[in-house]
Each structure stands twice: as C-alpha cells, then as structure tokens.
Amino acid sequence: MSDQGEKTCPLCAEEMDLTDQQLKPCKCGYEICVWCWHHIMDMAEKDETEGRCPACRTPYDKEKIVGTAGKCVRLVAEINTEKKMKSQKAKVKSTEGRKQLTSVRVIQRNLVYIVGLPLNLADEDLLQRKEYFGQYGKVQKVSMSRTAAGVIQQFPNNTCSVYITYLKEEEAIRCIQNVHGFLLDGRSLRACFGTTKYCHAWLRNVV
C-alpha cells in the first residue's frame, strides 16, 4: 500500500510498525517485518543453512541487518520523541488560544435580548406567557438582567432589560422582527440576538 502506516507483512499479514518499515533486509526491495526476519534466520540456523529472501532467494547479510535494526530502533525512538514534543507544543498553543477567548462573546441565535421594558413587566413568569413573548414560540427560559447583588437592573428611564431563550432560531427571529421598534408605554423597545461567553470548562481545556 502507498500509506506507510498501513503496510502489512506479506508473510504473517500483520501490520508493519515504524521499525518494520525502516528495515530493508534485501536489495530486491521485498520487505518483511522484523519478527518474520528473525524467524527465517532462526530456522536457517537450526538447519545450518543461510537465511534467504523469500522473494529472490538472495542470502541475507545478518551482520548488516542486525546493525540496521539497531539504527531503526533508535530512529523510531527519535520519531516518537519528536511527535510527543509536537503534541505537547500543540496542546500548549491550543490552551493559550482558548485563554484569549475568555472575554469574547458569541451570538446565540435562539437568544433574544430586549431593552426598554417597563419595570412593571419585570416578571419572568409573566413574560413567558402567550400574551407576551410566548406568542412567538416555545420559551425555554426568561432571565431579567440583574446586578451582582441579584436585584433587577434599572435604567435611568425606569426600564429594564430581559433575555428570552427560545427553542428554535426561527422563533427568536420572529420575536425580534415583531418586538424591535414596538412602542410600549410611549417607549420604543429594542430587540436583537443575545450573546454568551465560551464555556469555562472548554476554555480551561477540561473538555
């Protein structure tokens, strides 16, 4: 096969690892795994004959191949070490890249952010009803914007803001199209897609 990682030994049909693939036992180019080569040489030694290439029957140069096998082991060890270092560098680079996303906000297309809502409507259970935002689709969650102390955040004109999470994107779009610019108690509501931050566990490379 053309892909070295998928080569198989023609004698035992086992996959050839990097050590096997680096071993070139015969000039004719016929490749076998290290185990099969040792087996051929052991059988030849018992029969007091020469170990030969199964393809062209040329005698194997045992001393040369043993030396080559040693080099192969060292080469494979170096390759594995290099791969490990590259993997560690890639992991560090990925973690650093994720840290830069800590302050980045991402548009959530099933989340609607509404500003300009009168304070007398600042009731999460009320707002998800069919008379209000429930008429545009399946409301999964309603969250009033609150301060760090948990109090509903008020704007200077006695209004507040709210996040409405819908089941589907098209429901959020329908809400935005109907709510944005709508006059309520003489005030114009503003609606747009809400944003969220990246998952903290993902940023810490935990998942």
N, C-alpha and C. Protein backbone atom coordinates (compact mmCIF):
# COMPACT_ATOMS: atom_id res chain seq x y z
N MET A 1 0.83 -1.20 0.00
CA MET A 1 0.00 0.00 0.00
C MET A 1 0.87 1.25 0.00
N SER A 2 0.31 2.35 -0.49
CA SER A 2 1.08 3.58 -0.58
C SER A 2 1.27 4.23 0.77
N ASP A 3 0.31 4.04 1.68
CA ASP A 3 0.40 4.65 3.00
C ASP A 3 1.26 3.78 3.89
N GLN A 4 2.42 4.31 4.32
CA GLN A 4 3.34 3.51 5.12
C GLN A 4 2.70 3.02 6.41
N GLY A 5 1.79 3.80 6.97
CA GLY A 5 1.16 3.43 8.22
C GLY A 5 0.25 2.22 8.08
N GLU A 6 -0.07 1.79 6.85
CA GLU A 6 -0.99 0.68 6.65
C GLU A 6 -0.31 -0.52 5.98
N LYS A 7 1.01 -0.54 5.91
CA LYS A 7 1.71 -1.66 5.30
C LYS A 7 1.56 -2.91 6.16
N THR A 8 1.44 -4.05 5.50
CA THR A 8 1.37 -5.32 6.22
C THR A 8 2.47 -6.24 5.72
N CYS A 9 2.94 -7.09 6.61
CA CYS A 9 3.98 -8.05 6.25
C CYS A 9 3.38 -9.11 5.33
N PRO A 10 4.01 -9.42 4.19
CA PRO A 10 3.46 -10.40 3.25
C PRO A 10 3.51 -11.84 3.77
N LEU A 11 4.28 -12.08 4.84
CA LEU A 11 4.39 -13.44 5.37
C LEU A 11 3.39 -13.71 6.50
N CYS A 12 3.34 -12.80 7.49
CA CYS A 12 2.45 -13.03 8.63
C CYS A 12 1.16 -12.23 8.54
N ALA A 13 1.09 -11.30 7.56
CA ALA A 13 -0.10 -10.46 7.32
C ALA A 13 -0.39 -9.51 8.48
N GLU A 14 0.59 -9.30 9.37
CA GLU A 14 0.42 -8.35 10.46
C GLU A 14 0.84 -6.96 10.00
N GLU A 15 0.25 -5.93 10.62
CA GLU A 15 0.61 -4.56 10.25
C GLU A 15 2.07 -4.29 10.63
N MET A 16 2.78 -3.62 9.74
CA MET A 16 4.19 -3.32 9.98
C MET A 16 4.32 -1.96 10.66
N ASP A 17 4.97 -1.95 11.84
CA ASP A 17 5.15 -0.68 12.54
C ASP A 17 6.34 0.08 11.95
N LEU A 18 6.69 1.21 12.57
CA LEU A 18 7.76 2.04 12.03
C LEU A 18 9.10 1.30 11.97
N THR A 19 9.38 0.48 12.99
CA THR A 19 10.63 -0.28 13.00
C THR A 19 10.67 -1.25 11.82
N ASP A 20 9.56 -1.95 11.60
CA ASP A 20 9.48 -2.90 10.48
C ASP A 20 9.69 -2.19 9.14
N GLN A 21 9.07 -1.00 9.01
CA GLN A 21 9.12 -0.29 7.74
C GLN A 21 10.50 0.29 7.44
N GLN A 22 11.28 0.53 8.49
CA GLN A 22 12.63 1.06 8.28
C GLN A 22 13.61 -0.05 7.90
N LEU A 23 13.26 -1.28 8.21
CA LEU A 23 14.15 -2.42 7.92
C LEU A 23 14.05 -2.78 6.43
N LYS A 24 15.19 -2.77 5.75
CA LYS A 24 15.24 -3.14 4.32
C LYS A 24 16.17 -4.34 4.20
N PRO A 25 15.65 -5.56 4.40
CA PRO A 25 16.52 -6.74 4.50
C PRO A 25 17.16 -7.18 3.20
N CYS A 26 16.57 -6.83 2.05
CA CYS A 26 17.13 -7.32 0.78
C CYS A 26 17.15 -6.23 -0.28
N LYS A 27 18.16 -6.29 -1.14
CA LYS A 27 18.30 -5.29 -2.21
C LYS A 27 17.15 -5.34 -3.21
N CYS A 28 16.47 -6.49 -3.29
CA CYS A 28 15.38 -6.61 -4.27
C CYS A 28 14.16 -5.78 -3.87
N GLY A 29 14.15 -5.31 -2.62
CA GLY A 29 13.06 -4.46 -2.17
C GLY A 29 11.93 -5.19 -1.48
N TYR A 30 12.03 -6.51 -1.36
CA TYR A 30 10.99 -7.29 -0.70
C TYR A 30 11.07 -7.05 0.81
N GLU A 31 10.00 -6.50 1.38
CA GLU A 31 10.02 -6.12 2.79
C GLU A 31 9.20 -7.09 3.63
N ILE A 32 9.76 -7.44 4.78
CA ILE A 32 9.05 -8.26 5.76
C ILE A 32 9.25 -7.63 7.13
N CYS A 33 8.46 -8.07 8.10
CA CYS A 33 8.59 -7.49 9.44
C CYS A 33 9.81 -8.08 10.15
N VAL A 34 10.22 -7.41 11.22
CA VAL A 34 11.40 -7.85 11.97
C VAL A 34 11.19 -9.24 12.55
N TRP A 35 9.98 -9.53 13.03
CA TRP A 35 9.70 -10.85 13.62
C TRP A 35 9.90 -11.96 12.59
N CYS A 36 9.36 -11.77 11.37
CA CYS A 36 9.49 -12.79 10.33
C CYS A 36 10.95 -12.96 9.90
N TRP A 37 11.68 -11.83 9.87
CA TRP A 37 13.11 -11.93 9.51
C TRP A 37 13.86 -12.77 10.54
N HIS A 38 13.59 -12.51 11.83
CA HIS A 38 14.23 -13.30 12.89
C HIS A 38 13.83 -14.77 12.78
N HIS A 39 12.59 -15.02 12.44
CA HIS A 39 12.11 -16.40 12.32
C HIS A 39 12.86 -17.12 11.19
N ILE A 40 13.02 -16.44 10.05
CA ILE A 40 13.75 -17.03 8.92
C ILE A 40 15.19 -17.35 9.32
N MET A 41 15.83 -16.41 10.02
CA MET A 41 17.22 -16.60 10.41
C MET A 41 17.36 -17.71 11.46
N ASP A 42 16.40 -17.80 12.38
CA ASP A 42 16.44 -18.85 13.41
C ASP A 42 16.28 -20.23 12.78
N MET A 43 15.34 -20.35 11.83
CA MET A 43 15.11 -21.63 11.16
C MET A 43 16.33 -22.04 10.33
N ALA A 44 16.95 -21.05 9.69
CA ALA A 44 18.13 -21.33 8.88
C ALA A 44 19.29 -21.79 9.76
N GLU A 45 19.41 -21.18 10.94
CA GLU A 45 20.49 -21.55 11.86
C GLU A 45 20.30 -22.98 12.36
N LYS A 46 19.06 -23.36 12.62
CA LYS A 46 18.78 -24.72 13.07
C LYS A 46 19.10 -25.74 11.97
N ASP A 47 18.83 -25.35 10.72
CA ASP A 47 19.08 -26.25 9.59
C ASP A 47 20.51 -26.13 9.08
N GLU A 48 21.28 -25.23 9.73
CA GLU A 48 22.66 -24.97 9.33
C GLU A 48 22.74 -24.54 7.87
N THR A 49 21.81 -23.65 7.50
CA THR A 49 21.80 -23.09 6.14
C THR A 49 21.78 -21.57 6.26
N GLU A 50 21.72 -20.90 5.12
CA GLU A 50 21.67 -19.45 5.11
C GLU A 50 20.22 -18.96 5.07
N GLY A 51 19.96 -17.90 5.81
CA GLY A 51 18.64 -17.29 5.73
C GLY A 51 18.53 -16.52 4.42
N ARG A 52 17.49 -16.78 3.65
CA ARG A 52 17.37 -16.17 2.33
C ARG A 52 16.08 -15.36 2.19
N CYS A 53 16.12 -14.40 1.28
CA CYS A 53 14.95 -13.58 0.96
C CYS A 53 13.88 -14.48 0.34
N PRO A 54 12.65 -14.48 0.83
CA PRO A 54 11.59 -15.33 0.28
C PRO A 54 11.26 -15.01 -1.18
N ALA A 55 11.60 -13.81 -1.63
CA ALA A 55 11.24 -13.40 -2.99
C ALA A 55 12.31 -13.77 -4.01
N CYS A 56 13.57 -13.34 -3.76
CA CYS A 56 14.62 -13.56 -4.77
C CYS A 56 15.64 -14.61 -4.35
N ARG A 57 15.50 -15.14 -3.13
CA ARG A 57 16.37 -16.19 -2.59
C ARG A 57 17.82 -15.74 -2.38
N THR A 58 18.04 -14.44 -2.33
CA THR A 58 19.38 -13.94 -2.03
C THR A 58 19.65 -14.11 -0.53
N PRO A 59 20.84 -14.61 -0.16
CA PRO A 59 21.15 -14.78 1.27
C PRO A 59 21.14 -13.42 1.99
N TYR A 60 20.56 -13.41 3.19
CA TYR A 60 20.55 -12.19 3.98
C TYR A 60 21.93 -11.95 4.60
N ASP A 61 22.35 -10.70 4.64
CA ASP A 61 23.58 -10.31 5.32
C ASP A 61 23.21 -10.03 6.77
N LYS A 62 23.38 -11.03 7.63
CA LYS A 62 22.90 -10.94 9.01
C LYS A 62 23.54 -9.78 9.78
N GLU A 63 24.85 -9.62 9.67
CA GLU A 63 25.54 -8.57 10.43
C GLU A 63 25.05 -7.18 10.02
N LYS A 64 24.88 -7.01 8.71
CA LYS A 64 24.43 -5.72 8.21
C LYS A 64 23.01 -5.41 8.68
N ILE A 65 22.15 -6.44 8.64
CA ILE A 65 20.74 -6.24 9.00
C ILE A 65 20.59 -6.01 10.50
N VAL A 66 21.37 -6.74 11.31
CA VAL A 66 21.31 -6.53 12.76
C VAL A 66 21.70 -5.10 13.11
N GLY A 67 22.74 -4.59 12.43
CA GLY A 67 23.16 -3.20 12.65
C GLY A 67 22.08 -2.23 12.22
N THR A 68 21.45 -2.54 11.08
CA THR A 68 20.37 -1.69 10.57
C THR A 68 19.18 -1.69 11.53
N ALA A 69 18.88 -2.88 12.08
CA ALA A 69 17.76 -2.99 13.02
C ALA A 69 17.99 -2.11 14.25
N GLY A 70 19.24 -2.08 14.71
CA GLY A 70 19.56 -1.23 15.86
C GLY A 70 19.34 0.24 15.55
N LYS A 71 19.75 0.64 14.33
CA LYS A 71 19.53 2.02 13.90
C LYS A 71 18.05 2.33 13.80
N CYS A 72 17.27 1.33 13.34
CA CYS A 72 15.82 1.52 13.20
C CYS A 72 15.17 1.81 14.54
N VAL A 73 15.60 1.04 15.55
CA VAL A 73 15.03 1.23 16.89
C VAL A 73 15.31 2.63 17.39
N ARG A 74 16.56 3.09 17.18
CA ARG A 74 16.92 4.44 17.62
C ARG A 74 16.14 5.49 16.84
N LEU A 75 15.99 5.25 15.53
CA LEU A 75 15.27 6.20 14.68
C LEU A 75 13.81 6.30 15.11
N VAL A 76 13.19 5.15 15.37
CA VAL A 76 11.79 5.15 15.80
C VAL A 76 11.64 5.87 17.14
N ALA A 77 12.60 5.66 18.05
CA ALA A 77 12.56 6.34 19.35
C ALA A 77 12.63 7.85 19.16
N GLU A 78 13.51 8.29 18.23
CA GLU A 78 13.63 9.73 17.96
C GLU A 78 12.34 10.28 17.35
N ILE A 79 11.74 9.51 16.43
CA ILE A 79 10.49 9.95 15.79
C ILE A 79 9.38 10.09 16.83
N ASN A 80 9.28 9.09 17.73
CA ASN A 80 8.24 9.12 18.77
C ASN A 80 8.45 10.29 19.72
N THR A 81 9.73 10.57 20.06
CA THR A 81 10.03 11.70 20.94
C THR A 81 9.64 13.02 20.28
N GLU A 82 9.95 13.13 18.98
CA GLU A 82 9.61 14.35 18.24
C GLU A 82 8.10 14.54 18.16
N LYS A 83 7.38 13.43 17.92
CA LYS A 83 5.92 13.50 17.86
C LYS A 83 5.34 13.94 19.20
N LYS A 84 5.91 13.41 20.30
CA LYS A 84 5.43 13.76 21.63
C LYS A 84 5.64 15.24 21.92
N MET A 85 6.81 15.76 21.52
CA MET A 85 7.11 17.18 21.74
C MET A 85 6.17 18.06 20.94
N LYS A 86 5.90 17.66 19.67
CA LYS A 86 4.99 18.43 18.83
C LYS A 86 3.58 18.44 19.42
N SER A 87 3.17 17.27 19.95
CA SER A 87 1.85 17.15 20.54
C SER A 87 1.71 18.06 21.76
N GLN A 88 2.77 18.10 22.59
CA GLN A 88 2.76 18.94 23.79
C GLN A 88 2.72 20.42 23.41
N LYS A 89 3.50 20.80 22.37
CA LYS A 89 3.51 22.19 21.92
C LYS A 89 2.13 22.59 21.38
N ALA A 90 1.52 21.66 20.63
CA ALA A 90 0.19 21.94 20.05
C ALA A 90 -0.84 22.12 21.16
N LYS A 91 -0.71 21.31 22.22
CA LYS A 91 -1.66 21.40 23.34
C LYS A 91 -1.51 22.74 24.06
N VAL A 92 -0.25 23.16 24.28
CA VAL A 92 0.01 24.45 24.94
C VAL A 92 -0.53 25.59 24.09
N LYS A 93 -0.28 25.51 22.77
CA LYS A 93 -0.74 26.55 21.85
C LYS A 93 -2.26 26.63 21.85
N SER A 94 -2.91 25.45 21.88
CA SER A 94 -4.37 25.41 21.90
C SER A 94 -4.92 26.04 23.17
N THR A 95 -4.28 25.73 24.31
CA THR A 95 -4.72 26.28 25.60
C THR A 95 -4.56 27.79 25.62
N GLU A 96 -3.41 28.28 25.10
CA GLU A 96 -3.17 29.73 25.06
C GLU A 96 -4.20 30.41 24.17
N GLY A 97 -4.52 29.75 23.05
CA GLY A 97 -5.51 30.32 22.13
C GLY A 97 -6.88 30.42 22.78
N ARG A 98 -7.22 29.40 23.57
CA ARG A 98 -8.52 29.41 24.25
C ARG A 98 -8.58 30.50 25.31
N LYS A 99 -7.46 30.75 26.00
CA LYS A 99 -7.44 31.78 27.04
C LYS A 99 -7.76 33.15 26.45
N GLN A 100 -7.36 33.37 25.19
CA GLN A 100 -7.62 34.66 24.55
C GLN A 100 -9.11 34.86 24.27
N LEU A 101 -9.88 33.77 24.35
CA LEU A 101 -11.32 33.86 24.08
C LEU A 101 -12.15 34.12 25.33
N THR A 102 -11.46 34.30 26.48
CA THR A 102 -12.16 34.48 27.75
C THR A 102 -13.15 35.64 27.71
N SER A 103 -12.74 36.76 27.10
CA SER A 103 -13.59 37.95 27.08
C SER A 103 -14.43 38.07 25.81
N VAL A 104 -14.32 37.09 24.93
CA VAL A 104 -15.07 37.14 23.66
C VAL A 104 -16.49 36.65 23.88
N ARG A 105 -17.45 37.36 23.30
CA ARG A 105 -18.85 36.96 23.39
C ARG A 105 -19.31 36.45 22.03
N VAL A 106 -20.14 35.41 22.06
CA VAL A 106 -20.61 34.76 20.84
C VAL A 106 -22.12 34.94 20.71
N ILE A 107 -22.57 35.26 19.49
CA ILE A 107 -24.01 35.42 19.25
C ILE A 107 -24.70 34.07 19.40
N GLN A 108 -25.75 34.04 20.21
CA GLN A 108 -26.55 32.83 20.39
C GLN A 108 -27.87 33.06 19.68
N ARG A 109 -28.09 32.36 18.59
CA ARG A 109 -29.17 32.70 17.68
C ARG A 109 -30.56 32.21 18.11
N ASN A 110 -30.67 31.62 19.27
CA ASN A 110 -32.00 31.33 19.80
C ASN A 110 -32.27 32.16 21.06
N LEU A 111 -31.38 33.14 21.30
CA LEU A 111 -31.49 34.01 22.47
C LEU A 111 -31.78 35.44 22.03
N VAL A 112 -32.81 36.05 22.62
CA VAL A 112 -33.19 37.43 22.28
C VAL A 112 -32.93 38.34 23.48
N TYR A 113 -32.29 39.47 23.22
CA TYR A 113 -32.03 40.46 24.27
C TYR A 113 -32.92 41.67 23.99
N ILE A 114 -33.75 42.02 24.96
CA ILE A 114 -34.71 43.11 24.79
C ILE A 114 -34.45 44.21 25.82
N VAL A 115 -34.37 45.45 25.33
CA VAL A 115 -34.10 46.62 26.19
C VAL A 115 -35.28 47.59 26.09
N GLY A 116 -35.60 48.23 27.22
CA GLY A 116 -36.66 49.25 27.22
C GLY A 116 -37.96 48.75 27.81
N LEU A 117 -37.93 47.61 28.48
CA LEU A 117 -39.14 47.02 29.05
C LEU A 117 -39.54 47.78 30.32
N PRO A 118 -40.81 48.18 30.47
CA PRO A 118 -41.25 48.89 31.68
C PRO A 118 -41.04 48.03 32.93
N LEU A 119 -40.71 48.66 34.04
CA LEU A 119 -40.42 47.93 35.27
C LEU A 119 -41.61 47.13 35.78
N ASN A 120 -42.82 47.58 35.47
CA ASN A 120 -44.00 46.86 35.96
C ASN A 120 -44.19 45.51 35.26
N LEU A 121 -43.40 45.26 34.20
CA LEU A 121 -43.46 43.97 33.50
C LEU A 121 -42.25 43.09 33.82
N ALA A 122 -41.47 43.51 34.80
CA ALA A 122 -40.25 42.77 35.15
C ALA A 122 -40.59 41.53 35.98
N ASP A 123 -41.29 40.61 35.34
CA ASP A 123 -41.70 39.36 35.99
C ASP A 123 -41.42 38.22 35.01
N GLU A 124 -40.51 37.35 35.34
CA GLU A 124 -40.07 36.30 34.42
C GLU A 124 -41.19 35.32 34.06
N ASP A 125 -42.03 34.99 35.03
CA ASP A 125 -43.15 34.08 34.75
C ASP A 125 -44.17 34.74 33.84
N LEU A 126 -44.40 36.02 34.05
CA LEU A 126 -45.37 36.77 33.25
C LEU A 126 -44.92 36.88 31.80
N LEU A 127 -43.65 37.17 31.59
CA LEU A 127 -43.15 37.44 30.24
C LEU A 127 -43.12 36.22 29.32
N GLN A 128 -43.13 35.02 29.88
CA GLN A 128 -43.11 33.84 29.01
C GLN A 128 -44.50 33.37 28.60
N ARG A 129 -45.54 34.08 29.07
CA ARG A 129 -46.90 33.73 28.70
C ARG A 129 -47.20 34.07 27.25
N LYS A 130 -48.30 33.49 26.76
CA LYS A 130 -48.71 33.70 25.37
C LYS A 130 -49.04 35.16 25.06
N GLU A 131 -49.49 35.91 26.08
CA GLU A 131 -49.82 37.32 25.85
C GLU A 131 -48.57 38.16 25.59
N TYR A 132 -47.43 37.63 25.99
CA TYR A 132 -46.19 38.38 25.83
C TYR A 132 -45.25 37.63 24.88
N PHE A 133 -44.09 37.23 25.33
CA PHE A 133 -43.10 36.66 24.41
C PHE A 133 -43.36 35.20 24.05
N GLY A 134 -44.26 34.55 24.77
CA GLY A 134 -44.61 33.18 24.44
C GLY A 134 -45.37 33.05 23.14
N GLN A 135 -45.90 34.16 22.63
CA GLN A 135 -46.67 34.12 21.38
C GLN A 135 -45.78 33.90 20.15
N TYR A 136 -44.47 34.07 20.31
CA TYR A 136 -43.57 33.94 19.16
C TYR A 136 -42.92 32.56 19.04
N GLY A 137 -43.09 31.74 20.08
CA GLY A 137 -42.51 30.40 20.03
C GLY A 137 -42.38 29.79 21.41
N LYS A 138 -41.74 28.62 21.47
CA LYS A 138 -41.55 27.90 22.72
C LYS A 138 -40.44 28.55 23.55
N VAL A 139 -40.84 29.19 24.64
CA VAL A 139 -39.87 29.87 25.51
C VAL A 139 -39.26 28.85 26.47
N GLN A 140 -37.94 28.74 26.45
CA GLN A 140 -37.26 27.81 27.35
C GLN A 140 -36.84 28.48 28.66
N LYS A 141 -36.51 29.78 28.55
CA LYS A 141 -36.04 30.46 29.75
C LYS A 141 -36.20 31.97 29.60
N VAL A 142 -36.56 32.63 30.70
CA VAL A 142 -36.63 34.09 30.74
C VAL A 142 -35.74 34.55 31.88
N SER A 143 -34.81 35.45 31.58
CA SER A 143 -33.88 35.93 32.61
C SER A 143 -33.82 37.46 32.58
N MET A 144 -34.25 38.07 33.67
CA MET A 144 -34.13 39.52 33.79
C MET A 144 -32.66 39.87 34.03
N SER A 145 -32.23 40.98 33.47
CA SER A 145 -30.86 41.44 33.74
C SER A 145 -30.79 41.91 35.18
N ARG A 146 -29.84 41.37 35.92
CA ARG A 146 -29.72 41.69 37.34
C ARG A 146 -28.32 42.18 37.70
N THR A 147 -28.24 42.86 38.82
CA THR A 147 -26.95 43.33 39.32
C THR A 147 -26.25 42.17 40.02
N ALA A 148 -25.01 42.40 40.46
CA ALA A 148 -24.26 41.36 41.17
C ALA A 148 -24.96 40.95 42.46
N ALA A 149 -25.77 41.86 43.00
CA ALA A 149 -26.49 41.57 44.24
C ALA A 149 -27.79 40.81 43.98
N GLY A 150 -28.12 40.59 42.70
CA GLY A 150 -29.32 39.84 42.36
C GLY A 150 -30.56 40.69 42.18
N VAL A 151 -30.39 42.01 42.22
CA VAL A 151 -31.52 42.94 42.05
C VAL A 151 -31.69 43.26 40.57
N ILE A 152 -32.95 43.38 40.12
CA ILE A 152 -33.21 43.71 38.72
C ILE A 152 -32.56 45.03 38.36
N GLN A 153 -31.79 45.02 37.29
CA GLN A 153 -31.06 46.22 36.86
C GLN A 153 -32.02 47.23 36.24
N GLN A 154 -31.98 48.46 36.75
CA GLN A 154 -32.87 49.51 36.25
C GLN A 154 -32.08 50.54 35.46
N PHE A 155 -32.70 51.01 34.37
CA PHE A 155 -32.09 52.07 33.56
C PHE A 155 -32.69 53.41 33.99
N PRO A 156 -32.03 54.54 33.67
CA PRO A 156 -32.48 55.87 34.10
C PRO A 156 -33.94 56.19 33.75
N ASN A 157 -34.46 55.63 32.66
CA ASN A 157 -35.84 55.94 32.25
C ASN A 157 -36.85 54.94 32.81
N ASN A 158 -36.48 54.32 33.96
CA ASN A 158 -37.35 53.36 34.64
C ASN A 158 -37.73 52.16 33.76
N THR A 159 -36.75 51.69 33.04
CA THR A 159 -36.96 50.49 32.22
C THR A 159 -35.92 49.44 32.62
N CYS A 160 -36.09 48.26 32.09
CA CYS A 160 -35.15 47.17 32.37
C CYS A 160 -34.93 46.36 31.10
N SER A 161 -34.10 45.35 31.19
CA SER A 161 -33.83 44.50 30.02
C SER A 161 -34.03 43.04 30.40
N VAL A 162 -34.24 42.21 29.38
CA VAL A 162 -34.53 40.81 29.63
C VAL A 162 -33.94 39.93 28.52
N TYR A 163 -33.58 38.71 28.89
CA TYR A 163 -33.11 37.71 27.92
C TYR A 163 -34.19 36.64 27.78
N ILE A 164 -34.58 36.36 26.54
CA ILE A 164 -35.57 35.33 26.25
C ILE A 164 -34.90 34.23 25.44
N THR A 165 -34.88 33.02 25.97
CA THR A 165 -34.29 31.88 25.25
C THR A 165 -35.40 31.05 24.63
N TYR A 166 -35.37 30.93 23.30
CA TYR A 166 -36.36 30.13 22.58
C TYR A 166 -35.79 28.76 22.22
N LEU A 167 -36.67 27.86 21.86
CA LEU A 167 -36.24 26.52 21.47
C LEU A 167 -35.54 26.55 20.12
N LYS A 168 -36.04 27.38 19.19
CA LYS A 168 -35.51 27.40 17.83
C LYS A 168 -35.08 28.81 17.41
N GLU A 169 -34.17 28.86 16.47
CA GLU A 169 -33.67 30.14 15.94
C GLU A 169 -34.78 30.93 15.27
N GLU A 170 -35.64 30.24 14.49
CA GLU A 170 -36.70 30.96 13.77
C GLU A 170 -37.68 31.63 14.73
N GLU A 171 -37.85 31.07 15.92
CA GLU A 171 -38.72 31.69 16.92
C GLU A 171 -38.10 32.98 17.45
N ALA A 172 -36.78 32.94 17.64
CA ALA A 172 -36.07 34.14 18.10
C ALA A 172 -36.14 35.24 17.05
N ILE A 173 -35.99 34.85 15.78
CA ILE A 173 -36.07 35.83 14.68
C ILE A 173 -37.46 36.46 14.63
N ARG A 174 -38.49 35.62 14.80
CA ARG A 174 -39.87 36.12 14.78
C ARG A 174 -40.10 37.13 15.90
N CYS A 175 -39.54 36.85 17.07
CA CYS A 175 -39.66 37.75 18.21
C CYS A 175 -38.99 39.09 17.91
N ILE A 176 -37.76 39.04 17.39
CA ILE A 176 -37.02 40.27 17.09
C ILE A 176 -37.77 41.12 16.06
N GLN A 177 -38.28 40.47 15.02
CA GLN A 177 -38.99 41.20 13.96
C GLN A 177 -40.23 41.91 14.48
N ASN A 178 -40.91 41.31 15.45
CA ASN A 178 -42.14 41.90 15.97
C ASN A 178 -41.92 42.88 17.12
N VAL A 179 -40.86 42.66 17.89
CA VAL A 179 -40.65 43.47 19.09
C VAL A 179 -39.79 44.71 18.83
N HIS A 180 -38.77 44.58 17.99
CA HIS A 180 -37.85 45.70 17.78
C HIS A 180 -38.59 46.91 17.18
N GLY A 181 -38.52 48.03 17.89
CA GLY A 181 -39.18 49.26 17.44
C GLY A 181 -40.63 49.38 17.91
N PHE A 182 -41.13 48.35 18.61
CA PHE A 182 -42.52 48.39 19.09
C PHE A 182 -42.64 49.41 20.23
N LEU A 183 -43.68 50.26 20.17
CA LEU A 183 -43.90 51.27 21.21
C LEU A 183 -44.71 50.68 22.35
N LEU A 184 -44.17 50.75 23.56
CA LEU A 184 -44.84 50.24 24.75
C LEU A 184 -44.74 51.30 25.84
N ASP A 185 -45.91 51.80 26.26
CA ASP A 185 -45.97 52.89 27.26
C ASP A 185 -45.16 54.10 26.79
N GLY A 186 -45.23 54.36 25.49
CA GLY A 186 -44.56 55.53 24.94
C GLY A 186 -43.07 55.35 24.73
N ARG A 187 -42.56 54.16 24.98
CA ARG A 187 -41.13 53.90 24.80
C ARG A 187 -40.92 52.85 23.72
N SER A 188 -39.87 53.02 22.95
CA SER A 188 -39.57 52.08 21.87
C SER A 188 -38.69 50.94 22.40
N LEU A 189 -39.15 49.72 22.18
CA LEU A 189 -38.37 48.55 22.59
C LEU A 189 -37.27 48.26 21.56
N ARG A 190 -36.16 47.77 22.05
CA ARG A 190 -35.07 47.35 21.16
C ARG A 190 -34.82 45.86 21.38
N ALA A 191 -34.71 45.12 20.28
CA ALA A 191 -34.51 43.67 20.39
C ALA A 191 -33.43 43.21 19.40
N CYS A 192 -32.61 42.30 19.85
CA CYS A 192 -31.55 41.74 18.99
C CYS A 192 -31.17 40.37 19.53
N PHE A 193 -30.33 39.66 18.77
CA PHE A 193 -29.83 38.37 19.26
C PHE A 193 -28.98 38.60 20.51
N GLY A 194 -29.11 37.72 21.49
CA GLY A 194 -28.30 37.82 22.69
C GLY A 194 -26.93 37.19 22.46
N THR A 195 -26.02 37.47 23.36
CA THR A 195 -24.67 36.90 23.26
C THR A 195 -24.35 36.13 24.53
N THR A 196 -23.41 35.21 24.41
CA THR A 196 -22.97 34.42 25.56
C THR A 196 -21.47 34.24 25.49
N LYS A 197 -20.87 33.83 26.60
CA LYS A 197 -19.42 33.60 26.63
C LYS A 197 -19.13 32.12 26.37
N TYR A 198 -17.88 31.83 26.01
CA TYR A 198 -17.47 30.44 25.81
C TYR A 198 -17.53 29.68 27.14
N CYS A 199 -17.78 28.39 27.04
CA CYS A 199 -17.84 27.53 28.22
C CYS A 199 -16.52 27.58 28.99
N HIS A 200 -16.60 27.81 30.31
CA HIS A 200 -15.39 27.92 31.13
C HIS A 200 -14.59 26.62 31.13
N ALA A 201 -15.28 25.48 31.15
CA ALA A 201 -14.58 24.19 31.15
C ALA A 201 -13.80 24.01 29.85
N TRP A 202 -14.41 24.41 28.73
CA TRP A 202 -13.73 24.31 27.42
C TRP A 202 -12.52 25.23 27.37
N LEU A 203 -12.66 26.44 27.92
CA LEU A 203 -11.55 27.39 27.93
C LEU A 203 -10.38 26.88 28.76
N ARG A 204 -10.69 26.12 29.81
CA ARG A 204 -9.63 25.56 30.66
C ARG A 204 -9.09 24.25 30.11
N ASN A 205 -9.61 23.86 28.93
CA ASN A 205 -9.18 22.62 28.26
C ASN A 205 -9.54 21.39 29.08
N VAL A 206 -10.64 21.49 29.84
CA VAL A 206 -11.09 20.36 30.65
C VAL A 206 -11.88 19.39 29.79
N VAL A 207 -12.58 19.93 28.77
CA VAL A 207 -13.39 19.08 27.88
C VAL A 207 -12.83 19.13 26.48
